[in-house]
Amino acid sequence: MSIRRSLVVMARWPAPGRCKSRLAAGIGRRRAAAVQRRLGLHTCAVARRAQGRLAFELVLAVQGLGPRARRRWAAALGCDQAVDQGRGGLGLRLQRQLLAARRRGSEQVVLVGSDLPLLEAADLVQAFQCLETAPLVLGPAADGGYWLIGLQGSWPALFSGIPWGSAVVLEHTRRAAARLELEPAWLSCRHDLDRPADLASWR
């Protein structure tokens, strides 16, 4: 029997004033929303290319849209389905998506952000391949967080007690994994696109 896999893209609807607040502070709300739109297109296009190499369910987890608009956006991006991220902080929303994917029958669940201009299909394929031998895979981000987390099994405690938005997110996650006796596999470091200075590497 083949392994059931889910890739969940955590996305925010690219409307001016409703996304990329740190970027908008430097380049304006409309330009920031346009950047967010391009990033969403890029992330899902990369994910579809990865699907050509490895079978997985592509899920768009959305903030800021109702059910019908959410489904239309996911269809336009080529995703298999759309779900609501729900309320609460990032940790709770990640927990929710992990557990929902597990309820849908997925044995391997990878959660990735939509702020990664240099994301490649090989990154996503590698994440799932890591889960063949490791219970946890992490993609470290240059700002001290992570750009991807993947799990073989349900470990919602990895998302609890994390100081989200800080430079020590990855370190706290590593410590939480150690307490759970989970030895992570590691992907390459990537840069999120959050601030005007981050635009220089993406033209």
N, C-alpha and C. Protein backbone atom coordinates (compact mmCIF):
# COMPACT_ATOMS: atom_id res chain seq x y z
N MET A 1 0.85 -1.19 0.00
CA MET A 1 0.00 0.00 0.00
C MET A 1 0.89 1.25 0.00
N SER A 2 0.57 2.20 -0.87
CA SER A 2 1.38 3.41 -0.95
C SER A 2 1.12 4.31 0.25
N ILE A 3 2.13 5.10 0.60
CA ILE A 3 2.02 6.02 1.72
C ILE A 3 1.18 7.22 1.31
N ARG A 4 0.26 7.62 2.16
CA ARG A 4 -0.54 8.81 1.92
C ARG A 4 0.23 10.03 2.41
N ARG A 5 0.36 11.03 1.55
CA ARG A 5 1.11 12.23 1.88
C ARG A 5 0.26 13.47 1.65
N SER A 6 0.50 14.48 2.47
CA SER A 6 -0.13 15.79 2.28
C SER A 6 0.92 16.88 2.36
N LEU A 7 0.85 17.80 1.41
CA LEU A 7 1.61 19.04 1.48
C LEU A 7 0.62 20.16 1.72
N VAL A 8 0.78 20.85 2.83
CA VAL A 8 -0.12 21.94 3.19
C VAL A 8 0.62 23.26 3.03
N VAL A 9 0.12 24.11 2.14
CA VAL A 9 0.70 25.43 1.92
C VAL A 9 -0.08 26.43 2.77
N MET A 10 0.60 27.05 3.71
CA MET A 10 -0.02 28.05 4.58
C MET A 10 0.01 29.40 3.87
N ALA A 11 -1.17 29.92 3.51
CA ALA A 11 -1.24 31.12 2.67
C ALA A 11 -2.22 32.13 3.23
N ARG A 12 -1.95 33.38 2.92
CA ARG A 12 -2.83 34.47 3.28
C ARG A 12 -3.31 35.15 2.00
N TRP A 13 -4.60 35.46 1.93
CA TRP A 13 -5.16 36.11 0.76
C TRP A 13 -4.43 37.43 0.49
N PRO A 14 -3.93 37.63 -0.74
CA PRO A 14 -3.10 38.81 -1.02
C PRO A 14 -3.90 40.09 -1.28
N ALA A 15 -4.55 40.57 -0.26
CA ALA A 15 -5.30 41.82 -0.35
C ALA A 15 -4.54 42.93 0.35
N PRO A 16 -4.46 44.13 -0.22
CA PRO A 16 -3.76 45.24 0.43
C PRO A 16 -4.25 45.47 1.86
N GLY A 17 -3.31 45.54 2.78
CA GLY A 17 -3.66 45.76 4.17
C GLY A 17 -3.97 44.51 4.95
N ARG A 18 -3.99 43.36 4.26
CA ARG A 18 -4.33 42.11 4.95
C ARG A 18 -3.22 41.08 4.86
N CYS A 19 -2.07 41.48 4.38
CA CYS A 19 -0.95 40.56 4.27
C CYS A 19 0.35 41.35 4.27
N LYS A 20 1.43 40.68 4.58
CA LYS A 20 2.77 41.24 4.47
C LYS A 20 2.92 42.62 5.12
N SER A 21 2.55 42.71 6.39
CA SER A 21 2.57 44.01 7.06
C SER A 21 3.97 44.59 7.17
N ARG A 22 4.98 43.74 7.44
CA ARG A 22 6.35 44.25 7.56
C ARG A 22 6.88 44.73 6.21
N LEU A 23 6.54 44.00 5.16
CA LEU A 23 6.95 44.43 3.83
C LEU A 23 6.20 45.70 3.42
N ALA A 24 4.90 45.75 3.74
CA ALA A 24 4.08 46.91 3.38
C ALA A 24 4.58 48.19 4.03
N ALA A 25 5.18 48.08 5.21
CA ALA A 25 5.70 49.27 5.89
C ALA A 25 6.80 49.94 5.08
N GLY A 26 7.46 49.17 4.22
CA GLY A 26 8.55 49.73 3.44
C GLY A 26 8.20 50.04 2.01
N ILE A 27 7.27 49.27 1.41
CA ILE A 27 7.00 49.46 -0.02
C ILE A 27 5.53 49.79 -0.32
N GLY A 28 4.70 49.84 0.72
CA GLY A 28 3.30 50.16 0.52
C GLY A 28 2.44 48.90 0.45
N ARG A 29 1.16 49.07 0.81
CA ARG A 29 0.26 47.92 0.91
C ARG A 29 -0.01 47.24 -0.43
N ARG A 30 -0.21 48.04 -1.48
CA ARG A 30 -0.54 47.46 -2.78
C ARG A 30 0.62 46.65 -3.36
N ARG A 31 1.81 47.21 -3.27
CA ARG A 31 2.98 46.48 -3.77
C ARG A 31 3.23 45.23 -2.94
N ALA A 32 3.05 45.34 -1.64
CA ALA A 32 3.24 44.17 -0.77
C ALA A 32 2.25 43.06 -1.12
N ALA A 33 1.00 43.45 -1.40
CA ALA A 33 -0.01 42.46 -1.78
C ALA A 33 0.35 41.81 -3.12
N ALA A 34 0.89 42.61 -4.05
CA ALA A 34 1.31 42.05 -5.34
C ALA A 34 2.44 41.04 -5.17
N VAL A 35 3.36 41.35 -4.26
CA VAL A 35 4.44 40.41 -3.96
C VAL A 35 3.87 39.12 -3.37
N GLN A 36 2.93 39.27 -2.45
CA GLN A 36 2.31 38.09 -1.84
C GLN A 36 1.61 37.23 -2.89
N ARG A 37 0.95 37.88 -3.84
CA ARG A 37 0.26 37.15 -4.91
C ARG A 37 1.27 36.35 -5.74
N ARG A 38 2.39 36.98 -6.09
CA ARG A 38 3.41 36.28 -6.87
C ARG A 38 4.01 35.11 -6.09
N LEU A 39 4.22 35.32 -4.80
CA LEU A 39 4.78 34.25 -3.98
C LEU A 39 3.83 33.06 -3.90
N GLY A 40 2.54 33.33 -3.76
CA GLY A 40 1.56 32.24 -3.73
C GLY A 40 1.55 31.46 -5.03
N LEU A 41 1.59 32.17 -6.15
CA LEU A 41 1.64 31.51 -7.45
C LEU A 41 2.90 30.66 -7.57
N HIS A 42 4.02 31.23 -7.15
CA HIS A 42 5.29 30.50 -7.22
C HIS A 42 5.27 29.24 -6.37
N THR A 43 4.82 29.37 -5.13
CA THR A 43 4.81 28.23 -4.22
C THR A 43 3.98 27.08 -4.76
N CYS A 44 2.79 27.39 -5.25
CA CYS A 44 1.90 26.33 -5.75
C CYS A 44 2.38 25.76 -7.07
N ALA A 45 3.01 26.58 -7.90
CA ALA A 45 3.58 26.06 -9.15
C ALA A 45 4.72 25.08 -8.84
N VAL A 46 5.56 25.44 -7.88
CA VAL A 46 6.64 24.54 -7.46
C VAL A 46 6.06 23.25 -6.89
N ALA A 47 5.01 23.37 -6.09
CA ALA A 47 4.39 22.18 -5.50
C ALA A 47 3.82 21.26 -6.58
N ARG A 48 3.22 21.83 -7.61
CA ARG A 48 2.68 21.00 -8.68
C ARG A 48 3.80 20.29 -9.44
N ARG A 49 4.93 20.96 -9.61
CA ARG A 49 6.06 20.28 -10.25
C ARG A 49 6.55 19.13 -9.38
N ALA A 50 6.56 19.33 -8.07
CA ALA A 50 6.97 18.25 -7.16
C ALA A 50 6.00 17.07 -7.24
N GLN A 51 4.72 17.37 -7.46
CA GLN A 51 3.73 16.29 -7.60
C GLN A 51 4.03 15.41 -8.81
N GLY A 52 4.70 15.97 -9.79
CA GLY A 52 5.07 15.17 -10.95
C GLY A 52 6.14 14.14 -10.64
N ARG A 53 6.81 14.30 -9.51
CA ARG A 53 7.88 13.38 -9.11
C ARG A 53 7.47 12.49 -7.94
N LEU A 54 6.46 12.91 -7.18
CA LEU A 54 6.05 12.18 -5.98
C LEU A 54 4.58 12.48 -5.72
N ALA A 55 3.80 11.44 -5.47
CA ALA A 55 2.36 11.63 -5.26
C ALA A 55 2.08 12.18 -3.87
N PHE A 56 1.34 13.29 -3.81
CA PHE A 56 0.86 13.81 -2.54
C PHE A 56 -0.35 14.70 -2.80
N GLU A 57 -1.12 14.88 -1.75
CA GLU A 57 -2.28 15.77 -1.77
C GLU A 57 -1.78 17.19 -1.54
N LEU A 58 -2.17 18.12 -2.42
CA LEU A 58 -1.76 19.52 -2.30
C LEU A 58 -2.92 20.33 -1.73
N VAL A 59 -2.72 20.84 -0.53
CA VAL A 59 -3.78 21.52 0.21
C VAL A 59 -3.38 22.99 0.41
N LEU A 60 -4.29 23.89 0.09
CA LEU A 60 -4.09 25.31 0.36
C LEU A 60 -4.83 25.65 1.64
N ALA A 61 -4.10 26.03 2.68
CA ALA A 61 -4.69 26.42 3.96
C ALA A 61 -4.70 27.95 4.01
N VAL A 62 -5.88 28.54 4.01
CA VAL A 62 -6.05 29.96 3.72
C VAL A 62 -6.51 30.74 4.95
N GLN A 63 -5.99 31.94 5.05
CA GLN A 63 -6.50 32.94 5.98
C GLN A 63 -7.12 34.07 5.17
N GLY A 64 -8.28 34.55 5.60
CA GLY A 64 -8.83 35.76 5.02
C GLY A 64 -9.85 35.59 3.93
N LEU A 65 -10.37 34.35 3.72
CA LEU A 65 -11.36 34.12 2.68
C LEU A 65 -12.47 33.20 3.18
N GLY A 66 -13.68 33.41 2.65
CA GLY A 66 -14.78 32.51 2.92
C GLY A 66 -14.67 31.25 2.08
N PRO A 67 -15.55 30.27 2.33
CA PRO A 67 -15.43 28.95 1.68
C PRO A 67 -15.43 28.99 0.15
N ARG A 68 -16.36 29.73 -0.47
CA ARG A 68 -16.43 29.73 -1.93
C ARG A 68 -15.21 30.39 -2.54
N ALA A 69 -14.83 31.55 -2.02
CA ALA A 69 -13.65 32.25 -2.56
C ALA A 69 -12.40 31.42 -2.32
N ARG A 70 -12.35 30.75 -1.21
CA ARG A 70 -11.20 29.89 -0.89
C ARG A 70 -11.07 28.77 -1.92
N ARG A 71 -12.18 28.15 -2.26
CA ARG A 71 -12.15 27.07 -3.25
C ARG A 71 -11.75 27.59 -4.63
N ARG A 72 -12.26 28.77 -4.99
CA ARG A 72 -11.91 29.34 -6.30
C ARG A 72 -10.42 29.64 -6.38
N TRP A 73 -9.88 30.21 -5.31
CA TRP A 73 -8.46 30.54 -5.30
C TRP A 73 -7.61 29.28 -5.39
N ALA A 74 -7.97 28.25 -4.62
CA ALA A 74 -7.22 27.00 -4.66
C ALA A 74 -7.27 26.37 -6.05
N ALA A 75 -8.43 26.41 -6.69
CA ALA A 75 -8.55 25.85 -8.03
C ALA A 75 -7.67 26.63 -9.02
N ALA A 76 -7.65 27.95 -8.89
CA ALA A 76 -6.83 28.79 -9.78
C ALA A 76 -5.35 28.50 -9.61
N LEU A 77 -4.95 28.11 -8.39
CA LEU A 77 -3.55 27.81 -8.11
C LEU A 77 -3.19 26.35 -8.39
N GLY A 78 -4.18 25.55 -8.77
CA GLY A 78 -3.92 24.16 -9.08
C GLY A 78 -3.83 23.25 -7.88
N CYS A 79 -4.40 23.67 -6.75
CA CYS A 79 -4.38 22.84 -5.54
C CYS A 79 -5.52 21.83 -5.56
N ASP A 80 -5.33 20.75 -4.83
CA ASP A 80 -6.34 19.70 -4.80
C ASP A 80 -7.53 20.07 -3.93
N GLN A 81 -7.28 20.84 -2.89
CA GLN A 81 -8.38 21.30 -2.05
C GLN A 81 -7.95 22.51 -1.24
N ALA A 82 -8.94 23.20 -0.69
CA ALA A 82 -8.69 24.37 0.15
C ALA A 82 -9.34 24.16 1.50
N VAL A 83 -8.66 24.62 2.53
CA VAL A 83 -9.19 24.54 3.89
C VAL A 83 -8.93 25.87 4.57
N ASP A 84 -9.66 26.11 5.64
CA ASP A 84 -9.49 27.32 6.44
C ASP A 84 -8.42 27.08 7.49
N GLN A 85 -7.52 28.04 7.66
CA GLN A 85 -6.53 27.91 8.73
C GLN A 85 -7.18 27.98 10.10
N GLY A 86 -8.29 28.70 10.21
CA GLY A 86 -8.94 28.87 11.49
C GLY A 86 -8.31 29.98 12.31
N ARG A 87 -8.85 30.18 13.48
CA ARG A 87 -8.39 31.26 14.34
C ARG A 87 -7.22 30.83 15.21
N GLY A 88 -6.64 31.84 15.88
CA GLY A 88 -5.56 31.56 16.82
C GLY A 88 -4.20 31.90 16.26
N GLY A 89 -3.20 31.73 17.10
CA GLY A 89 -1.83 32.00 16.72
C GLY A 89 -1.30 30.97 15.74
N LEU A 90 -0.10 31.20 15.27
CA LEU A 90 0.47 30.33 14.25
C LEU A 90 0.61 28.89 14.75
N GLY A 91 1.04 28.71 15.98
CA GLY A 91 1.19 27.36 16.50
C GLY A 91 -0.11 26.58 16.48
N LEU A 92 -1.19 27.21 16.88
CA LEU A 92 -2.49 26.54 16.88
C LEU A 92 -2.93 26.23 15.46
N ARG A 93 -2.68 27.15 14.54
CA ARG A 93 -3.10 26.93 13.14
C ARG A 93 -2.29 25.80 12.50
N LEU A 94 -1.00 25.71 12.82
CA LEU A 94 -0.19 24.60 12.32
C LEU A 94 -0.64 23.28 12.91
N GLN A 95 -0.90 23.26 14.20
CA GLN A 95 -1.44 22.06 14.84
C GLN A 95 -2.71 21.59 14.16
N ARG A 96 -3.59 22.54 13.90
CA ARG A 96 -4.89 22.23 13.29
C ARG A 96 -4.71 21.58 11.93
N GLN A 97 -3.78 22.11 11.13
CA GLN A 97 -3.58 21.55 9.79
C GLN A 97 -2.92 20.18 9.85
N LEU A 98 -2.00 20.00 10.78
CA LEU A 98 -1.38 18.68 10.95
C LEU A 98 -2.43 17.64 11.30
N LEU A 99 -3.25 17.93 12.28
CA LEU A 99 -4.24 16.96 12.75
C LEU A 99 -5.32 16.72 11.70
N ALA A 100 -5.70 17.76 10.96
CA ALA A 100 -6.70 17.59 9.90
C ALA A 100 -6.17 16.68 8.79
N ALA A 101 -4.91 16.87 8.41
CA ALA A 101 -4.33 16.01 7.39
C ALA A 101 -4.23 14.57 7.86
N ARG A 102 -3.91 14.39 9.12
CA ARG A 102 -3.87 13.04 9.67
C ARG A 102 -5.26 12.40 9.65
N ARG A 103 -6.29 13.19 9.96
CA ARG A 103 -7.66 12.66 9.92
C ARG A 103 -8.06 12.28 8.49
N ARG A 104 -7.51 12.99 7.51
CA ARG A 104 -7.82 12.63 6.11
C ARG A 104 -7.06 11.38 5.67
N GLY A 105 -6.22 10.87 6.53
CA GLY A 105 -5.53 9.61 6.23
C GLY A 105 -4.08 9.74 5.82
N SER A 106 -3.52 10.93 5.91
CA SER A 106 -2.12 11.11 5.51
C SER A 106 -1.18 10.62 6.60
N GLU A 107 -0.19 9.86 6.20
CA GLU A 107 0.82 9.38 7.13
C GLU A 107 1.99 10.35 7.23
N GLN A 108 2.28 11.04 6.15
CA GLN A 108 3.34 12.04 6.12
C GLN A 108 2.71 13.39 5.79
N VAL A 109 2.97 14.37 6.64
CA VAL A 109 2.39 15.71 6.46
C VAL A 109 3.52 16.73 6.46
N VAL A 110 3.60 17.50 5.40
CA VAL A 110 4.59 18.58 5.29
C VAL A 110 3.84 19.90 5.23
N LEU A 111 4.24 20.84 6.08
CA LEU A 111 3.65 22.18 6.12
C LEU A 111 4.71 23.17 5.67
N VAL A 112 4.35 24.03 4.72
CA VAL A 112 5.31 24.97 4.17
C VAL A 112 4.65 26.34 4.05
N GLY A 113 5.45 27.38 4.22
CA GLY A 113 4.95 28.73 4.06
C GLY A 113 4.87 29.13 2.60
N SER A 114 4.30 30.30 2.35
CA SER A 114 4.18 30.81 0.97
C SER A 114 4.98 32.09 0.80
N ASP A 115 6.11 32.18 1.50
CA ASP A 115 6.96 33.38 1.47
C ASP A 115 8.37 33.04 1.01
N LEU A 116 8.50 32.08 0.11
CA LEU A 116 9.81 31.52 -0.22
C LEU A 116 10.12 31.69 -1.71
N PRO A 117 10.75 32.78 -2.08
CA PRO A 117 11.00 33.02 -3.50
C PRO A 117 11.95 32.03 -4.14
N LEU A 118 12.82 31.38 -3.36
CA LEU A 118 13.80 30.45 -3.92
C LEU A 118 13.40 28.98 -3.70
N LEU A 119 12.16 28.74 -3.33
CA LEU A 119 11.69 27.37 -3.13
C LEU A 119 11.76 26.60 -4.45
N GLU A 120 12.21 25.34 -4.39
CA GLU A 120 12.30 24.48 -5.55
C GLU A 120 11.55 23.18 -5.31
N ALA A 121 11.13 22.55 -6.40
CA ALA A 121 10.41 21.28 -6.29
C ALA A 121 11.25 20.24 -5.55
N ALA A 122 12.56 20.27 -5.78
CA ALA A 122 13.44 19.30 -5.12
C ALA A 122 13.40 19.43 -3.61
N ASP A 123 13.16 20.65 -3.10
CA ASP A 123 13.07 20.84 -1.65
C ASP A 123 11.90 20.04 -1.08
N LEU A 124 10.76 20.09 -1.77
CA LEU A 124 9.56 19.42 -1.28
C LEU A 124 9.69 17.91 -1.41
N VAL A 125 10.25 17.46 -2.52
CA VAL A 125 10.47 16.03 -2.69
C VAL A 125 11.43 15.52 -1.61
N GLN A 126 12.48 16.28 -1.35
CA GLN A 126 13.45 15.87 -0.33
C GLN A 126 12.80 15.79 1.05
N ALA A 127 11.90 16.73 1.35
CA ALA A 127 11.24 16.71 2.66
C ALA A 127 10.48 15.40 2.86
N PHE A 128 9.72 14.99 1.84
CA PHE A 128 8.98 13.73 1.97
C PHE A 128 9.94 12.53 2.00
N GLN A 129 10.99 12.59 1.24
CA GLN A 129 11.97 11.49 1.26
C GLN A 129 12.61 11.36 2.64
N CYS A 130 12.88 12.48 3.29
CA CYS A 130 13.43 12.44 4.64
C CYS A 130 12.50 11.71 5.61
N LEU A 131 11.20 11.89 5.40
CA LEU A 131 10.23 11.27 6.30
C LEU A 131 10.13 9.76 6.13
N GLU A 132 10.81 9.23 5.12
CA GLU A 132 10.86 7.78 4.98
C GLU A 132 11.69 7.16 6.11
N THR A 133 12.64 7.91 6.63
CA THR A 133 13.54 7.36 7.65
C THR A 133 13.57 8.18 8.94
N ALA A 134 12.99 9.37 8.93
CA ALA A 134 13.00 10.23 10.12
C ALA A 134 11.57 10.62 10.48
N PRO A 135 11.29 10.83 11.78
CA PRO A 135 9.94 11.21 12.19
C PRO A 135 9.64 12.68 11.95
N LEU A 136 10.71 13.48 11.73
CA LEU A 136 10.57 14.93 11.66
C LEU A 136 11.58 15.48 10.67
N VAL A 137 11.15 16.44 9.85
CA VAL A 137 12.07 17.15 8.97
C VAL A 137 11.84 18.64 9.15
N LEU A 138 12.93 19.40 9.19
CA LEU A 138 12.86 20.84 9.38
C LEU A 138 13.69 21.56 8.31
N GLY A 139 13.13 22.65 7.81
CA GLY A 139 13.85 23.53 6.90
C GLY A 139 14.17 24.81 7.63
N PRO A 140 15.39 25.02 8.07
CA PRO A 140 15.72 26.22 8.85
C PRO A 140 15.67 27.48 7.99
N ALA A 141 15.18 28.55 8.59
CA ALA A 141 15.13 29.85 7.92
C ALA A 141 16.24 30.74 8.48
N ALA A 142 16.70 31.66 7.65
CA ALA A 142 17.82 32.51 8.04
C ALA A 142 17.48 33.43 9.21
N ASP A 143 16.19 33.66 9.46
CA ASP A 143 15.80 34.57 10.54
C ASP A 143 15.63 33.88 11.88
N GLY A 144 15.99 32.59 11.96
CA GLY A 144 15.88 31.86 13.23
C GLY A 144 14.62 31.06 13.38
N GLY A 145 13.77 31.08 12.36
CA GLY A 145 12.57 30.24 12.36
C GLY A 145 12.77 29.04 11.46
N TYR A 146 11.67 28.53 10.91
CA TYR A 146 11.78 27.48 9.91
C TYR A 146 10.76 27.74 8.81
N TRP A 147 11.13 27.33 7.60
CA TRP A 147 10.27 27.55 6.45
C TRP A 147 9.46 26.32 6.10
N LEU A 148 9.81 25.19 6.69
CA LEU A 148 9.09 23.93 6.44
C LEU A 148 9.23 23.05 7.66
N ILE A 149 8.15 22.35 7.95
CA ILE A 149 8.19 21.30 8.96
C ILE A 149 7.38 20.13 8.43
N GLY A 150 7.93 18.95 8.57
CA GLY A 150 7.24 17.74 8.12
C GLY A 150 7.27 16.69 9.20
N LEU A 151 6.19 15.91 9.28
CA LEU A 151 6.07 14.93 10.35
C LEU A 151 5.55 13.60 9.83
N GLN A 152 6.12 12.55 10.35
CA GLN A 152 5.60 11.20 10.16
C GLN A 152 4.96 10.85 11.48
N GLY A 153 3.65 11.00 11.58
CA GLY A 153 2.94 10.82 12.84
C GLY A 153 2.43 12.15 13.37
N SER A 154 1.74 12.10 14.49
CA SER A 154 1.13 13.29 15.09
C SER A 154 1.92 13.72 16.32
N TRP A 155 2.50 14.91 16.25
CA TRP A 155 3.25 15.46 17.38
C TRP A 155 2.85 16.93 17.57
N PRO A 156 1.60 17.18 17.97
CA PRO A 156 1.15 18.57 18.11
C PRO A 156 1.92 19.37 19.15
N ALA A 157 2.58 18.69 20.08
CA ALA A 157 3.34 19.41 21.11
C ALA A 157 4.50 20.21 20.51
N LEU A 158 4.92 19.88 19.30
CA LEU A 158 5.99 20.64 18.65
C LEU A 158 5.60 22.09 18.37
N PHE A 159 4.31 22.37 18.41
CA PHE A 159 3.83 23.71 18.09
C PHE A 159 3.38 24.48 19.33
N SER A 160 3.58 23.90 20.50
CA SER A 160 3.14 24.55 21.74
C SER A 160 4.32 25.22 22.44
N GLY A 161 4.06 26.39 23.02
CA GLY A 161 5.08 27.09 23.79
C GLY A 161 6.20 27.67 22.97
N ILE A 162 5.96 27.91 21.68
CA ILE A 162 6.99 28.47 20.79
C ILE A 162 6.80 29.98 20.69
N PRO A 163 7.84 30.78 20.85
CA PRO A 163 7.73 32.24 20.72
C PRO A 163 7.71 32.66 19.26
N TRP A 164 6.56 32.47 18.62
CA TRP A 164 6.44 32.72 17.18
C TRP A 164 6.82 34.15 16.82
N GLY A 165 7.47 34.28 15.68
CA GLY A 165 7.89 35.60 15.22
C GLY A 165 9.21 36.06 15.79
N SER A 166 9.83 35.24 16.63
CA SER A 166 11.11 35.61 17.23
C SER A 166 12.26 34.92 16.49
N ALA A 167 13.48 35.24 16.88
CA ALA A 167 14.66 34.64 16.27
C ALA A 167 15.04 33.30 16.90
N VAL A 168 14.22 32.80 17.82
CA VAL A 168 14.56 31.54 18.50
C VAL A 168 13.49 30.47 18.27
N VAL A 169 12.66 30.65 17.26
CA VAL A 169 11.62 29.66 16.96
C VAL A 169 12.24 28.30 16.68
N LEU A 170 13.25 28.26 15.84
CA LEU A 170 13.86 26.98 15.48
C LEU A 170 14.51 26.32 16.69
N GLU A 171 15.19 27.10 17.52
CA GLU A 171 15.85 26.54 18.69
C GLU A 171 14.83 25.96 19.66
N HIS A 172 13.73 26.65 19.89
CA HIS A 172 12.69 26.13 20.78
C HIS A 172 12.07 24.87 20.18
N THR A 173 11.90 24.84 18.87
CA THR A 173 11.35 23.65 18.22
C THR A 173 12.31 22.48 18.34
N ARG A 174 13.59 22.74 18.17
CA ARG A 174 14.60 21.69 18.32
C ARG A 174 14.57 21.11 19.73
N ARG A 175 14.43 21.98 20.74
CA ARG A 175 14.37 21.51 22.12
C ARG A 175 13.10 20.70 22.36
N ALA A 176 11.98 21.16 21.80
CA ALA A 176 10.73 20.40 21.94
C ALA A 176 10.86 19.02 21.31
N ALA A 177 11.53 18.96 20.15
CA ALA A 177 11.74 17.67 19.49
C ALA A 177 12.61 16.76 20.36
N ALA A 178 13.62 17.33 20.98
CA ALA A 178 14.50 16.52 21.84
C ALA A 178 13.72 15.95 23.03
N ARG A 179 12.82 16.76 23.59
CA ARG A 179 12.01 16.26 24.72
C ARG A 179 11.12 15.09 24.28
N LEU A 180 10.68 15.13 23.03
CA LEU A 180 9.83 14.06 22.49
C LEU A 180 10.65 12.92 21.90
N GLU A 181 11.99 13.04 22.00
CA GLU A 181 12.92 12.04 21.47
C GLU A 181 12.76 11.88 19.96
N LEU A 182 12.57 13.01 19.29
CA LEU A 182 12.48 13.03 17.83
C LEU A 182 13.78 13.61 17.28
N GLU A 183 14.45 12.85 16.46
CA GLU A 183 15.68 13.31 15.83
C GLU A 183 15.33 13.84 14.44
N PRO A 184 15.45 15.15 14.21
CA PRO A 184 15.03 15.69 12.92
C PRO A 184 16.05 15.47 11.81
N ALA A 185 15.52 15.37 10.59
CA ALA A 185 16.34 15.51 9.40
C ALA A 185 16.28 16.98 8.99
N TRP A 186 17.34 17.45 8.34
CA TRP A 186 17.45 18.87 8.05
C TRP A 186 17.53 19.13 6.56
N LEU A 187 16.81 20.15 6.12
CA LEU A 187 16.92 20.65 4.76
C LEU A 187 17.86 21.86 4.75
N SER A 188 18.07 22.42 3.56
CA SER A 188 18.93 23.60 3.44
C SER A 188 18.25 24.83 4.02
N CYS A 189 19.07 25.77 4.45
CA CYS A 189 18.55 27.03 4.96
C CYS A 189 17.98 27.86 3.81
N ARG A 190 16.86 28.52 4.07
CA ARG A 190 16.21 29.37 3.08
C ARG A 190 15.88 30.72 3.72
N HIS A 191 15.66 31.71 2.88
CA HIS A 191 15.27 33.05 3.32
C HIS A 191 13.79 33.27 3.02
N ASP A 192 13.02 33.63 4.03
CA ASP A 192 11.66 34.11 3.81
C ASP A 192 11.73 35.51 3.21
N LEU A 193 10.65 35.90 2.53
CA LEU A 193 10.58 37.26 2.03
C LEU A 193 9.59 38.02 2.91
N ASP A 194 10.13 38.75 3.87
CA ASP A 194 9.29 39.44 4.85
C ASP A 194 9.49 40.95 4.87
N ARG A 195 10.68 41.39 4.48
CA ARG A 195 11.03 42.80 4.60
C ARG A 195 11.52 43.33 3.26
N PRO A 196 11.52 44.67 3.06
CA PRO A 196 11.97 45.23 1.78
C PRO A 196 13.37 44.76 1.37
N ALA A 197 14.28 44.61 2.32
CA ALA A 197 15.63 44.17 1.99
C ALA A 197 15.66 42.79 1.37
N ASP A 198 14.64 41.96 1.69
CA ASP A 198 14.60 40.60 1.18
C ASP A 198 14.27 40.56 -0.32
N LEU A 199 13.78 41.65 -0.88
CA LEU A 199 13.41 41.69 -2.29
C LEU A 199 14.62 41.62 -3.21
N ALA A 200 15.78 41.98 -2.71
CA ALA A 200 16.98 42.06 -3.55
C ALA A 200 17.32 40.73 -4.20
N SER A 201 17.01 39.62 -3.52
CA SER A 201 17.37 38.30 -4.05
C SER A 201 16.28 37.73 -4.96
N TRP A 202 15.21 38.46 -5.18
CA TRP A 202 14.09 37.94 -5.99
C TRP A 202 13.65 39.01 -6.98
N ARG A 203 14.10 38.91 -8.19
CA ARG A 203 13.77 39.87 -9.23
C ARG A 203 13.25 39.16 -10.46
